[in-house]
Amino acid sequence: MMLDPLGWFAAIPELALTGAANAHFIRDIGTAYLASAAGLALAAWRPTGSVGALLVTTIFMAGHAVGHLVDIAEGCAAAPGGTPADWLGVILPGTVTAGLCGWSFRFRRA
């Protein structure tokens, strides 16, 4: 996404259903995913001291997933019922991240 946004867009055929590629926007989203990956890595490395990083990561990942679910529910997604990219690339990771964040609160020190 970051190095070749138009090539990345072309490599996922159902993305063309969402409209024309916008290299700047694709890089913006790539940056958000990169920051989320850093937050997840920090949370894995220092689980008791990085609840904030995990929470910020969850806000993006779960928020992005909710946005896709709303699009699907309103019938304005790229395809009826969503695409595999919606479910496997956005909704599943957002759900897993939210679950991990919620689960991590069990281990938070008071």
PDB file of N, CA and C in Angstrom:
ATOM      1  N   MET A   1       0.824  -1.197   0.000  1.00  0.00           N
ATOM      2  CA  MET A   1       0.000   0.000   0.000  1.00  0.00           C
ATOM      3  C   MET A   1       0.863   1.254   0.000  1.00  0.00           C
ATOM      4  N   MET A   2       1.940   1.215   0.739  1.00  0.00           N
ATOM      5  CA  MET A   2       2.765   2.414   0.900  1.00  0.00           C
ATOM      6  C   MET A   2       3.693   2.645  -0.298  1.00  0.00           C
ATOM      7  N   LEU A   3       4.317   1.581  -0.766  1.00  0.00           N
ATOM      8  CA  LEU A   3       5.320   1.738  -1.817  1.00  0.00           C
ATOM      9  C   LEU A   3       4.734   1.768  -3.219  1.00  0.00           C
ATOM     10  N   ASP A   4       3.664   1.033  -3.451  1.00  0.00           N
ATOM     11  CA  ASP A   4       3.056   0.969  -4.775  1.00  0.00           C
ATOM     12  C   ASP A   4       1.533   0.964  -4.638  1.00  0.00           C
ATOM     13  N   PRO A   5       0.948   2.097  -4.256  1.00  0.00           N
ATOM     14  CA  PRO A   5      -0.485   2.106  -3.972  1.00  0.00           C
ATOM     15  C   PRO A   5      -1.353   1.697  -5.149  1.00  0.00           C
ATOM     16  N   LEU A   6      -0.997   2.111  -6.356  1.00  0.00           N
ATOM     17  CA  LEU A   6      -1.816   1.756  -7.516  1.00  0.00           C
ATOM     18  C   LEU A   6      -1.651   0.284  -7.876  1.00  0.00           C
ATOM     19  N   GLY A   7      -0.450  -0.261  -7.701  1.00  0.00           N
ATOM     20  CA  GLY A   7      -0.229  -1.691  -7.912  1.00  0.00           C
ATOM     21  C   GLY A   7      -0.969  -2.515  -6.882  1.00  0.00           C
ATOM     22  N   TRP A   8      -0.963  -2.051  -5.624  1.00  0.00           N
ATOM     23  CA  TRP A   8      -1.707  -2.741  -4.562  1.00  0.00           C
ATOM     24  C   TRP A   8      -3.193  -2.745  -4.892  1.00  0.00           C
ATOM     25  N   PHE A   9      -3.714  -1.612  -5.323  1.00  0.00           N
ATOM     26  CA  PHE A   9      -5.128  -1.488  -5.679  1.00  0.00           C
ATOM     27  C   PHE A   9      -5.483  -2.451  -6.810  1.00  0.00           C
ATOM     28  N   ALA A  10      -4.626  -2.515  -7.817  1.00  0.00           N
ATOM     29  CA  ALA A  10      -4.883  -3.388  -8.969  1.00  0.00           C
ATOM     30  C   ALA A  10      -4.793  -4.867  -8.603  1.00  0.00           C
ATOM     31  N   ALA A  11      -4.032  -5.192  -7.561  1.00  0.00           N
ATOM     32  CA  ALA A  11      -3.847  -6.593  -7.177  1.00  0.00           C
ATOM     33  C   ALA A  11      -5.067  -7.181  -6.462  1.00  0.00           C
ATOM     34  N   ILE A  12      -5.999  -6.340  -6.040  1.00  0.00           N
ATOM     35  CA  ILE A  12      -7.205  -6.809  -5.351  1.00  0.00           C
ATOM     36  C   ILE A  12      -8.397  -6.420  -6.229  1.00  0.00           C
ATOM     37  N   PRO A  13      -8.832  -7.322  -7.106  1.00  0.00           N
ATOM     38  CA  PRO A  13      -9.819  -6.977  -8.135  1.00  0.00           C
ATOM     39  C   PRO A  13     -11.099  -6.327  -7.608  1.00  0.00           C
ATOM     40  N   GLU A  14     -11.608  -6.773  -6.456  1.00  0.00           N
ATOM     41  CA  GLU A  14     -12.878  -6.208  -5.993  1.00  0.00           C
ATOM     42  C   GLU A  14     -12.755  -4.758  -5.534  1.00  0.00           C
ATOM     43  N   LEU A  15     -11.550  -4.261  -5.343  1.00  0.00           N
ATOM     44  CA  LEU A  15     -11.409  -2.852  -4.970  1.00  0.00           C
ATOM     45  C   LEU A  15     -11.890  -1.918  -6.077  1.00  0.00           C
ATOM     46  N   ALA A  16     -11.817  -2.370  -7.319  1.00  0.00           N
ATOM     47  CA  ALA A  16     -12.305  -1.547  -8.432  1.00  0.00           C
ATOM     48  C   ALA A  16     -13.796  -1.267  -8.294  1.00  0.00           C
ATOM     49  N   LEU A  17     -14.512  -2.107  -7.540  1.00  0.00           N
ATOM     50  CA  LEU A  17     -15.941  -1.882  -7.320  1.00  0.00           C
ATOM     51  C   LEU A  17     -16.200  -0.658  -6.446  1.00  0.00           C
ATOM     52  N   THR A  18     -15.178  -0.201  -5.724  1.00  0.00           N
ATOM     53  CA  THR A  18     -15.343   0.938  -4.814  1.00  0.00           C
ATOM     54  C   THR A  18     -15.121   2.275  -5.508  1.00  0.00           C
ATOM     55  N   GLY A  19     -14.636   2.255  -6.733  1.00  0.00           N
ATOM     56  CA  GLY A  19     -14.367   3.490  -7.463  1.00  0.00           C
ATOM     57  C   GLY A  19     -12.918   3.531  -7.919  1.00  0.00           C
ATOM     58  N   ALA A  20     -12.525   4.676  -8.404  1.00  0.00           N
ATOM     59  CA  ALA A  20     -11.170   4.844  -8.929  1.00  0.00           C
ATOM     60  C   ALA A  20     -10.146   4.846  -7.793  1.00  0.00           C
ATOM     61  N   ALA A  21      -8.944   4.398  -8.119  1.00  0.00           N
ATOM     62  CA  ALA A  21      -7.855   4.396  -7.142  1.00  0.00           C
ATOM     63  C   ALA A  21      -7.413   5.823  -6.856  1.00  0.00           C
ATOM     64  N   ASN A  22      -7.067   6.080  -5.617  1.00  0.00           N
ATOM     65  CA  ASN A  22      -6.546   7.366  -5.187  1.00  0.00           C
ATOM     66  C   ASN A  22      -5.267   7.064  -4.404  1.00  0.00           C
ATOM     67  N   ALA A  23      -4.113   7.280  -5.027  1.00  0.00           N
ATOM     68  CA  ALA A  23      -2.832   6.892  -4.436  1.00  0.00           C
ATOM     69  C   ALA A  23      -2.604   7.555  -3.076  1.00  0.00           C
ATOM     70  N   HIS A  24      -2.956   8.819  -2.951  1.00  0.00           N
ATOM     71  CA  HIS A  24      -2.757   9.511  -1.675  1.00  0.00           C
ATOM     72  C   HIS A  24      -3.594   8.866  -0.570  1.00  0.00           C
ATOM     73  N   PHE A  25      -4.856   8.602  -0.857  1.00  0.00           N
ATOM     74  CA  PHE A  25      -5.740   7.994   0.135  1.00  0.00           C
ATOM     75  C   PHE A  25      -5.274   6.595   0.511  1.00  0.00           C
ATOM     76  N   ILE A  26      -4.818   5.829  -0.474  1.00  0.00           N
ATOM     77  CA  ILE A  26      -4.321   4.477  -0.210  1.00  0.00           C
ATOM     78  C   ILE A  26      -3.106   4.545   0.711  1.00  0.00           C
ATOM     79  N   ARG A  27      -2.203   5.503   0.478  1.00  0.00           N
ATOM     80  CA  ARG A  27      -1.048   5.657   1.367  1.00  0.00           C
ATOM     81  C   ARG A  27      -1.481   6.075   2.775  1.00  0.00           C
ATOM     82  N   ASP A  28      -2.503   6.940   2.872  1.00  0.00           N
ATOM     83  CA  ASP A  28      -3.014   7.332   4.191  1.00  0.00           C
ATOM     84  C   ASP A  28      -3.496   6.110   4.967  1.00  0.00           C
ATOM     85  N   ILE A  29      -4.276   5.256   4.313  1.00  0.00           N
ATOM     86  CA  ILE A  29      -4.779   4.058   4.976  1.00  0.00           C
ATOM     87  C   ILE A  29      -3.623   3.109   5.299  1.00  0.00           C
ATOM     88  N   GLY A  30      -2.659   3.014   4.396  1.00  0.00           N
ATOM     89  CA  GLY A  30      -1.472   2.194   4.665  1.00  0.00           C
ATOM     90  C   GLY A  30      -0.730   2.679   5.898  1.00  0.00           C
ATOM     91  N   THR A  31      -0.655   3.988   6.066  1.00  0.00           N
ATOM     92  CA  THR A  31      -0.008   4.556   7.249  1.00  0.00           C
ATOM     93  C   THR A  31      -0.773   4.184   8.515  1.00  0.00           C
ATOM     94  N   ALA A  32      -2.093   4.229   8.456  1.00  0.00           N
ATOM     95  CA  ALA A  32      -2.904   3.840   9.621  1.00  0.00           C
ATOM     96  C   ALA A  32      -2.693   2.364   9.956  1.00  0.00           C
ATOM     97  N   TYR A  33      -2.607   1.502   8.940  1.00  0.00           N
ATOM     98  CA  TYR A  33      -2.349   0.084   9.190  1.00  0.00           C
ATOM     99  C   TYR A  33      -0.937  -0.127   9.744  1.00  0.00           C
ATOM    100  N   LEU A  34       0.030   0.628   9.256  1.00  0.00           N
ATOM    101  CA  LEU A  34       1.395   0.525   9.762  1.00  0.00           C
ATOM    102  C   LEU A  34       1.451   0.950  11.234  1.00  0.00           C
ATOM    103  N   ALA A  35       0.775   2.035  11.571  1.00  0.00           N
ATOM    104  CA  ALA A  35       0.719   2.483  12.969  1.00  0.00           C
ATOM    105  C   ALA A  35       0.008   1.441  13.831  1.00  0.00           C
ATOM    106  N   SER A  36      -1.040   0.833  13.307  1.00  0.00           N
ATOM    107  CA  SER A  36      -1.746  -0.214  14.047  1.00  0.00           C
ATOM    108  C   SER A  36      -0.848  -1.420  14.282  1.00  0.00           C
ATOM    109  N   ALA A  37      -0.081  -1.797  13.279  1.00  0.00           N
ATOM    110  CA  ALA A  37       0.854  -2.916  13.439  1.00  0.00           C
ATOM    111  C   ALA A  37       1.887  -2.597  14.516  1.00  0.00           C
ATOM    112  N   ALA A  38       2.358  -1.357  14.560  1.00  0.00           N
ATOM    113  CA  ALA A  38       3.318  -0.961  15.592  1.00  0.00           C
ATOM    114  C   ALA A  38       2.671  -1.040  16.976  1.00  0.00           C
ATOM    115  N   GLY A  39       1.418  -0.614  17.081  1.00  0.00           N
ATOM    116  CA  GLY A  39       0.705  -0.705  18.353  1.00  0.00           C
ATOM    117  C   GLY A  39       0.524  -2.148  18.809  1.00  0.00           C
ATOM    118  N   LEU A  40       0.181  -3.025  17.874  1.00  0.00           N
ATOM    119  CA  LEU A  40       0.034  -4.448  18.214  1.00  0.00           C
ATOM    120  C   LEU A  40       1.373  -5.059  18.619  1.00  0.00           C
ATOM    121  N   ALA A  41       2.440  -4.684  17.912  1.00  0.00           N
ATOM    122  CA  ALA A  41       3.771  -5.202  18.248  1.00  0.00           C
ATOM    123  C   ALA A  41       4.190  -4.726  19.635  1.00  0.00           C
ATOM    124  N   LEU A  42       3.944  -3.463  19.943  1.00  0.00           N
ATOM    125  CA  LEU A  42       4.273  -2.935  21.263  1.00  0.00           C
ATOM    126  C   LEU A  42       3.475  -3.649  22.347  1.00  0.00           C
ATOM    127  N   ALA A  43       2.197  -3.883  22.092  1.00  0.00           N
ATOM    128  CA  ALA A  43       1.353  -4.584  23.063  1.00  0.00           C
ATOM    129  C   ALA A  43       1.822  -6.021  23.274  1.00  0.00           C
ATOM    130  N   ALA A  44       2.316  -6.662  22.220  1.00  0.00           N
ATOM    131  CA  ALA A  44       2.836  -8.028  22.361  1.00  0.00           C
ATOM    132  C   ALA A  44       4.155  -8.030  23.123  1.00  0.00           C
ATOM    133  N   TRP A  45       4.967  -7.006  22.917  1.00  0.00           N
ATOM    134  CA  TRP A  45       6.282  -6.924  23.543  1.00  0.00           C
ATOM    135  C   TRP A  45       6.187  -6.545  25.018  1.00  0.00           C
ATOM    136  N   ARG A  46       5.300  -5.592  25.308  1.00  0.00           N
ATOM    137  CA  ARG A  46       5.110  -5.109  26.682  1.00  0.00           C
ATOM    138  C   ARG A  46       3.623  -5.142  27.036  1.00  0.00           C
ATOM    139  N   PRO A  47       3.071  -6.313  27.258  1.00  0.00           N
ATOM    140  CA  PRO A  47       1.618  -6.422  27.437  1.00  0.00           C
ATOM    141  C   PRO A  47       1.046  -5.612  28.600  1.00  0.00           C
ATOM    142  N   THR A  48       1.778  -5.504  29.695  1.00  0.00           N
ATOM    143  CA  THR A  48       1.210  -4.794  30.841  1.00  0.00           C
ATOM    144  C   THR A  48       1.416  -3.285  30.760  1.00  0.00           C
ATOM    145  N   GLY A  49       2.311  -2.835  29.899  1.00  0.00           N
ATOM    146  CA  GLY A  49       2.596  -1.405  29.841  1.00  0.00           C
ATOM    147  C   GLY A  49       2.153  -0.705  28.583  1.00  0.00           C
ATOM    148  N   SER A  50       1.368  -1.375  27.761  1.00  0.00           N
ATOM    149  CA  SER A  50       1.011  -0.746  26.489  1.00  0.00           C
ATOM    150  C   SER A  50      -0.481  -0.830  26.192  1.00  0.00           C
ATOM    151  N   VAL A  51      -1.284  -0.736  27.228  1.00  0.00           N
ATOM    152  CA  VAL A  51      -2.728  -0.775  27.028  1.00  0.00           C
ATOM    153  C   VAL A  51      -3.172   0.395  26.154  1.00  0.00           C
ATOM    154  N   GLY A  52      -2.546   1.552  26.336  1.00  0.00           N
ATOM    155  CA  GLY A  52      -2.897   2.727  25.532  1.00  0.00           C
ATOM    156  C   GLY A  52      -2.642   2.506  24.049  1.00  0.00           C
ATOM    157  N   ALA A  53      -1.499   1.913  23.723  1.00  0.00           N
ATOM    158  CA  ALA A  53      -1.185   1.634  22.320  1.00  0.00           C
ATOM    159  C   ALA A  53      -2.181   0.651  21.734  1.00  0.00           C
ATOM    160  N   LEU A  54      -2.546  -0.347  22.514  1.00  0.00           N
ATOM    161  CA  LEU A  54      -3.521  -1.331  22.036  1.00  0.00           C
ATOM    162  C   LEU A  54      -4.892  -0.688  21.867  1.00  0.00           C
ATOM    163  N   LEU A  55      -5.250   0.210  22.764  1.00  0.00           N
ATOM    164  CA  LEU A  55      -6.540   0.885  22.659  1.00  0.00           C
ATOM    165  C   LEU A  55      -6.602   1.764  21.411  1.00  0.00           C
ATOM    166  N   VAL A  56      -5.544   2.508  21.141  1.00  0.00           N
ATOM    167  CA  VAL A  56      -5.515   3.356  19.942  1.00  0.00           C
ATOM    168  C   VAL A  56      -5.571   2.495  18.684  1.00  0.00           C
ATOM    169  N   THR A  57      -4.831   1.395  18.676  1.00  0.00           N
ATOM    170  CA  THR A  57      -4.878   0.457  17.548  1.00  0.00           C
ATOM    171  C   THR A  57      -6.296  -0.060  17.341  1.00  0.00           C
ATOM    172  N   THR A  58      -6.952  -0.411  18.433  1.00  0.00           N
ATOM    173  CA  THR A  58      -8.315  -0.940  18.358  1.00  0.00           C
ATOM    174  C   THR A  58      -9.293   0.095  17.825  1.00  0.00           C
ATOM    175  N   ILE A  59      -9.101   1.354  18.195  1.00  0.00           N
ATOM    176  CA  ILE A  59     -10.001   2.404  17.694  1.00  0.00           C
ATOM    177  C   ILE A  59      -9.969   2.440  16.173  1.00  0.00           C
ATOM    178  N   PHE A  60      -8.772   2.384  15.579  1.00  0.00           N
ATOM    179  CA  PHE A  60      -8.711   2.381  14.114  1.00  0.00           C
ATOM    180  C   PHE A  60      -9.252   1.076  13.535  1.00  0.00           C
ATOM    181  N   MET A  61      -8.718  -0.053  14.016  1.00  0.00           N
ATOM    182  CA  MET A  61      -9.066  -1.337  13.403  1.00  0.00           C
ATOM    183  C   MET A  61     -10.551  -1.648  13.556  1.00  0.00           C
ATOM    184  N   ALA A  62     -11.092  -1.501  14.762  1.00  0.00           N
ATOM    185  CA  ALA A  62     -12.507  -1.802  14.981  1.00  0.00           C
ATOM    186  C   ALA A  62     -13.390  -0.741  14.336  1.00  0.00           C
ATOM    187  N   GLY A  63     -12.965   0.514  14.407  1.00  0.00           N
ATOM    188  CA  GLY A  63     -13.742   1.578  13.759  1.00  0.00           C
ATOM    189  C   GLY A  63     -13.833   1.386  12.256  1.00  0.00           C
ATOM    190  N   HIS A  64     -12.727   0.985  11.648  1.00  0.00           N
ATOM    191  CA  HIS A  64     -12.715   0.708  10.212  1.00  0.00           C
ATOM    192  C   HIS A  64     -13.652  -0.456   9.896  1.00  0.00           C
ATOM    193  N   ALA A  65     -13.615  -1.492  10.744  1.00  0.00           N
ATOM    194  CA  ALA A  65     -14.500  -2.644  10.551  1.00  0.00           C
ATOM    195  C   ALA A  65     -15.968  -2.242  10.674  1.00  0.00           C
ATOM    196  N   VAL A  66     -16.288  -1.430  11.669  1.00  0.00           N
ATOM    197  CA  VAL A  66     -17.675  -0.974  11.843  1.00  0.00           C
ATOM    198  C   VAL A  66     -18.123  -0.170  10.625  1.00  0.00           C
ATOM    199  N   GLY A  67     -17.245   0.665  10.109  1.00  0.00           N
ATOM    200  CA  GLY A  67     -17.585   1.420   8.892  1.00  0.00           C
ATOM    201  C   GLY A  67     -17.946   0.512   7.734  1.00  0.00           C
ATOM    202  N   HIS A  68     -17.192  -0.575   7.567  1.00  0.00           N
ATOM    203  CA  HIS A  68     -17.499  -1.528   6.496  1.00  0.00           C
ATOM    204  C   HIS A  68     -18.813  -2.251   6.777  1.00  0.00           C
ATOM    205  N   LEU A  69     -19.060  -2.604   8.033  1.00  0.00           N
ATOM    206  CA  LEU A  69     -20.329  -3.258   8.371  1.00  0.00           C
ATOM    207  C   LEU A  69     -21.516  -2.336   8.116  1.00  0.00           C
ATOM    208  N   VAL A  70     -21.362  -1.067   8.421  1.00  0.00           N
ATOM    209  CA  VAL A  70     -22.437  -0.096   8.147  1.00  0.00           C
ATOM    210  C   VAL A  70     -22.677  -0.003   6.642  1.00  0.00           C
ATOM    211  N   ASP A  71     -21.607   0.071   5.855  1.00  0.00           N
ATOM    212  CA  ASP A  71     -21.762   0.101   4.396  1.00  0.00           C
ATOM    213  C   ASP A  71     -22.514  -1.121   3.895  1.00  0.00           C
ATOM    214  N   ILE A  72     -22.163  -2.300   4.433  1.00  0.00           N
ATOM    215  CA  ILE A  72     -22.835  -3.533   4.019  1.00  0.00           C
ATOM    216  C   ILE A  72     -24.304  -3.485   4.413  1.00  0.00           C
ATOM    217  N   ALA A  73     -24.586  -3.082   5.648  1.00  0.00           N
ATOM    218  CA  ALA A  73     -25.971  -3.034   6.135  1.00  0.00           C
ATOM    219  C   ALA A  73     -26.816  -2.033   5.358  1.00  0.00           C
ATOM    220  N   GLU A  74     -26.220  -0.924   4.962  1.00  0.00           N
ATOM    221  CA  GLU A  74     -26.955   0.105   4.218  1.00  0.00           C
ATOM    222  C   GLU A  74     -27.025  -0.190   2.725  1.00  0.00           C
ATOM    223  N   GLY A  75     -26.384  -1.261   2.288  1.00  0.00           N
ATOM    224  CA  GLY A  75     -26.409  -1.620   0.879  1.00  0.00           C
ATOM    225  C   GLY A  75     -25.520  -0.760   0.007  1.00  0.00           C
ATOM    226  N   CYS A  76     -24.580  -0.035   0.616  1.00  0.00           N
ATOM    227  CA  CYS A  76     -23.701   0.810  -0.205  1.00  0.00           C
ATOM    228  C   CYS A  76     -22.268   0.283  -0.227  1.00  0.00           C
ATOM    229  N   ALA A  77     -22.099  -0.984   0.139  1.00  0.00           N
ATOM    230  CA  ALA A  77     -20.782  -1.614   0.031  1.00  0.00           C
ATOM    231  C   ALA A  77     -20.481  -1.883  -1.438  1.00  0.00           C
ATOM    232  N   ALA A  78     -19.235  -2.233  -1.719  1.00  0.00           N
ATOM    233  CA  ALA A  78     -18.823  -2.490  -3.098  1.00  0.00           C
ATOM    234  C   ALA A  78     -19.629  -3.615  -3.733  1.00  0.00           C
ATOM    235  N   ALA A  79     -20.083  -4.561  -2.922  1.00  0.00           N
ATOM    236  CA  ALA A  79     -20.870  -5.684  -3.430  1.00  0.00           C
ATOM    237  C   ALA A  79     -21.898  -6.058  -2.365  1.00  0.00           C
ATOM    238  N   PRO A  80     -23.049  -6.577  -2.762  1.00  0.00           N
ATOM    239  CA  PRO A  80     -24.046  -7.006  -1.770  1.00  0.00           C
ATOM    240  C   PRO A  80     -23.434  -8.011  -0.791  1.00  0.00           C
ATOM    241  N   GLY A  81     -23.607  -7.763   0.495  1.00  0.00           N
ATOM    242  CA  GLY A  81     -23.044  -8.658   1.505  1.00  0.00           C
ATOM    243  C   GLY A  81     -21.568  -8.456   1.749  1.00  0.00           C
ATOM    244  N   GLY A  82     -20.960  -7.506   1.075  1.00  0.00           N
ATOM    245  CA  GLY A  82     -19.531  -7.260   1.227  1.00  0.00           C
ATOM    246  C   GLY A  82     -18.703  -8.159   0.338  1.00  0.00           C
ATOM    247  N   THR A  83     -17.429  -7.861   0.274  1.00  0.00           N
ATOM    248  CA  THR A  83     -16.495  -8.649  -0.532  1.00  0.00           C
ATOM    249  C   THR A  83     -15.581  -9.436   0.400  1.00  0.00           C
ATOM    250  N   PRO A  84     -14.850 -10.417  -0.140  1.00  0.00           N
ATOM    251  CA  PRO A  84     -13.859 -11.098   0.696  1.00  0.00           C
ATOM    252  C   PRO A  84     -12.862 -10.119   1.330  1.00  0.00           C
ATOM    253  N   ALA A  85     -12.502  -9.065   0.601  1.00  0.00           N
ATOM    254  CA  ALA A  85     -11.582  -8.062   1.156  1.00  0.00           C
ATOM    255  C   ALA A  85     -12.202  -7.372   2.360  1.00  0.00           C
ATOM    256  N   ASP A  86     -13.525  -7.108   2.320  1.00  0.00           N
ATOM    257  CA  ASP A  86     -14.209  -6.527   3.478  1.00  0.00           C
ATOM    258  C   ASP A  86     -14.097  -7.453   4.681  1.00  0.00           C
ATOM    259  N   TRP A  87     -14.489  -8.706   4.482  1.00  0.00           N
ATOM    260  CA  TRP A  87     -14.589  -9.652   5.592  1.00  0.00           C
ATOM    261  C   TRP A  87     -13.224 -10.114   6.100  1.00  0.00           C
ATOM    262  N   LEU A  88     -12.320 -10.460   5.203  1.00  0.00           N
ATOM    263  CA  LEU A  88     -11.030 -11.009   5.626  1.00  0.00           C
ATOM    264  C   LEU A  88      -9.971  -9.938   5.880  1.00  0.00           C
ATOM    265  N   GLY A  89     -10.078  -8.824   5.179  1.00  0.00           N
ATOM    266  CA  GLY A  89      -9.047  -7.794   5.289  1.00  0.00           C
ATOM    267  C   GLY A  89      -9.367  -6.672   6.244  1.00  0.00           C
ATOM    268  N   VAL A  90     -10.646  -6.519   6.612  1.00  0.00           N
ATOM    269  CA  VAL A  90     -11.029  -5.395   7.463  1.00  0.00           C
ATOM    270  C   VAL A  90     -11.843  -5.858   8.673  1.00  0.00           C
ATOM    271  N   ILE A  91     -12.942  -6.551   8.441  1.00  0.00           N
ATOM    272  CA  ILE A  91     -13.862  -6.893   9.538  1.00  0.00           C
ATOM    273  C   ILE A  91     -13.244  -7.917  10.487  1.00  0.00           C
ATOM    274  N   LEU A  92     -12.661  -8.990   9.956  1.00  0.00           N
ATOM    275  CA  LEU A  92     -12.040  -9.999  10.823  1.00  0.00           C
ATOM    276  C   LEU A  92     -10.887  -9.409  11.640  1.00  0.00           C
ATOM    277  N   PRO A  93      -9.927  -8.702  11.026  1.00  0.00           N
ATOM    278  CA  PRO A  93      -8.854  -8.120  11.842  1.00  0.00           C
ATOM    279  C   PRO A  93      -9.364  -7.121  12.881  1.00  0.00           C
ATOM    280  N   GLY A  94     -10.374  -6.336  12.531  1.00  0.00           N
ATOM    281  CA  GLY A  94     -10.935  -5.394  13.491  1.00  0.00           C
ATOM    282  C   GLY A  94     -11.586  -6.098  14.665  1.00  0.00           C
ATOM    283  N   THR A  95     -12.280  -7.185  14.382  1.00  0.00           N
ATOM    284  CA  THR A  95     -12.937  -7.962  15.440  1.00  0.00           C
ATOM    285  C   THR A  95     -11.903  -8.631  16.339  1.00  0.00           C
ATOM    286  N   VAL A  96     -10.878  -9.213  15.747  1.00  0.00           N
ATOM    287  CA  VAL A  96      -9.822  -9.875  16.531  1.00  0.00           C
ATOM    288  C   VAL A  96      -9.095  -8.845  17.400  1.00  0.00           C
ATOM    289  N   THR A  97      -8.775  -7.694  16.836  1.00  0.00           N
ATOM    290  CA  THR A  97      -8.079  -6.651  17.600  1.00  0.00           C
ATOM    291  C   THR A  97      -8.942  -6.172  18.768  1.00  0.00           C
ATOM    292  N   ALA A  98     -10.225  -5.952  18.526  1.00  0.00           N
ATOM    293  CA  ALA A  98     -11.125  -5.533  19.608  1.00  0.00           C
ATOM    294  C   ALA A  98     -11.206  -6.614  20.686  1.00  0.00           C
ATOM    295  N   GLY A  99     -11.274  -7.860  20.271  1.00  0.00           N
ATOM    296  CA  GLY A  99     -11.312  -8.958  21.237  1.00  0.00           C
ATOM    297  C   GLY A  99     -10.039  -9.026  22.069  1.00  0.00           C
ATOM    298  N   LEU A 100      -8.888  -8.863  21.422  1.00  0.00           N
ATOM    299  CA  LEU A 100      -7.619  -8.874  22.148  1.00  0.00           C
ATOM    300  C   LEU A 100      -7.531  -7.705  23.124  1.00  0.00           C
ATOM    301  N   CYS A 101      -8.008  -6.563  22.691  1.00  0.00           N
ATOM    302  CA  CYS A 101      -7.985  -5.387  23.563  1.00  0.00           C
ATOM    303  C   CYS A 101      -8.862  -5.631  24.796  1.00  0.00           C
ATOM    304  N   GLY A 102     -10.071  -6.115  24.582  1.00  0.00           N
ATOM    305  CA  GLY A 102     -10.954  -6.416  25.706  1.00  0.00           C
ATOM    306  C   GLY A 102     -10.369  -7.464  26.624  1.00  0.00           C
ATOM    307  N   TRP A 103      -9.793  -8.498  26.048  1.00  0.00           N
ATOM    308  CA  TRP A 103      -9.185  -9.580  26.820  1.00  0.00           C
ATOM    309  C   TRP A 103      -8.006  -9.059  27.640  1.00  0.00           C
ATOM    310  N   SER A 104      -7.234  -8.114  27.056  1.00  0.00           N
ATOM    311  CA  SER A 104      -6.048  -7.602  27.746  1.00  0.00           C
ATOM    312  C   SER A 104      -6.393  -6.840  29.011  1.00  0.00           C
ATOM    313  N   PHE A 105      -7.594  -6.286  29.092  1.00  0.00           N
ATOM    314  CA  PHE A 105      -7.972  -5.551  30.285  1.00  0.00           C
ATOM    315  C   PHE A 105      -8.063  -6.462  31.512  1.00  0.00           C
ATOM    316  N   ARG A 106      -8.194  -7.755  31.294  1.00  0.00           N
ATOM    317  CA  ARG A 106      -8.204  -8.707  32.408  1.00  0.00           C
ATOM    318  C   ARG A 106      -6.864  -8.709  33.126  1.00  0.00           C
ATOM    319  N   PHE A 107      -5.793  -8.351  32.428  1.00  0.00           N
ATOM    320  CA  PHE A 107      -4.436  -8.430  32.980  1.00  0.00           C
ATOM    321  C   PHE A 107      -3.877  -7.064  33.374  1.00  0.00           C
ATOM    322  N   ARG A 108      -4.679  -6.056  33.240  1.00  0.00           N
ATOM    323  CA  ARG A 108      -4.228  -4.702  33.560  1.00  0.00           C
ATOM    324  C   ARG A 108      -4.088  -4.559  35.068  1.00  0.00           C
ATOM    325  N   ARG A 109      -2.998  -3.940  35.450  1.00  0.00           N
ATOM    326  CA  ARG A 109      -2.742  -3.713  36.871  1.00  0.00           C
ATOM    327  C   ARG A 109      -3.550  -2.518  37.355  1.00  0.00           C
ATOM    328  N   ALA A 110      -4.116  -2.634  38.523  1.00  0.00           N
ATOM    329  CA  ALA A 110      -4.936  -1.550  39.086  1.00  0.00           C
ATOM    330  C   ALA A 110      -4.091  -0.396  39.557  1.00  0.00           C
TER     331      ALA A 110
END
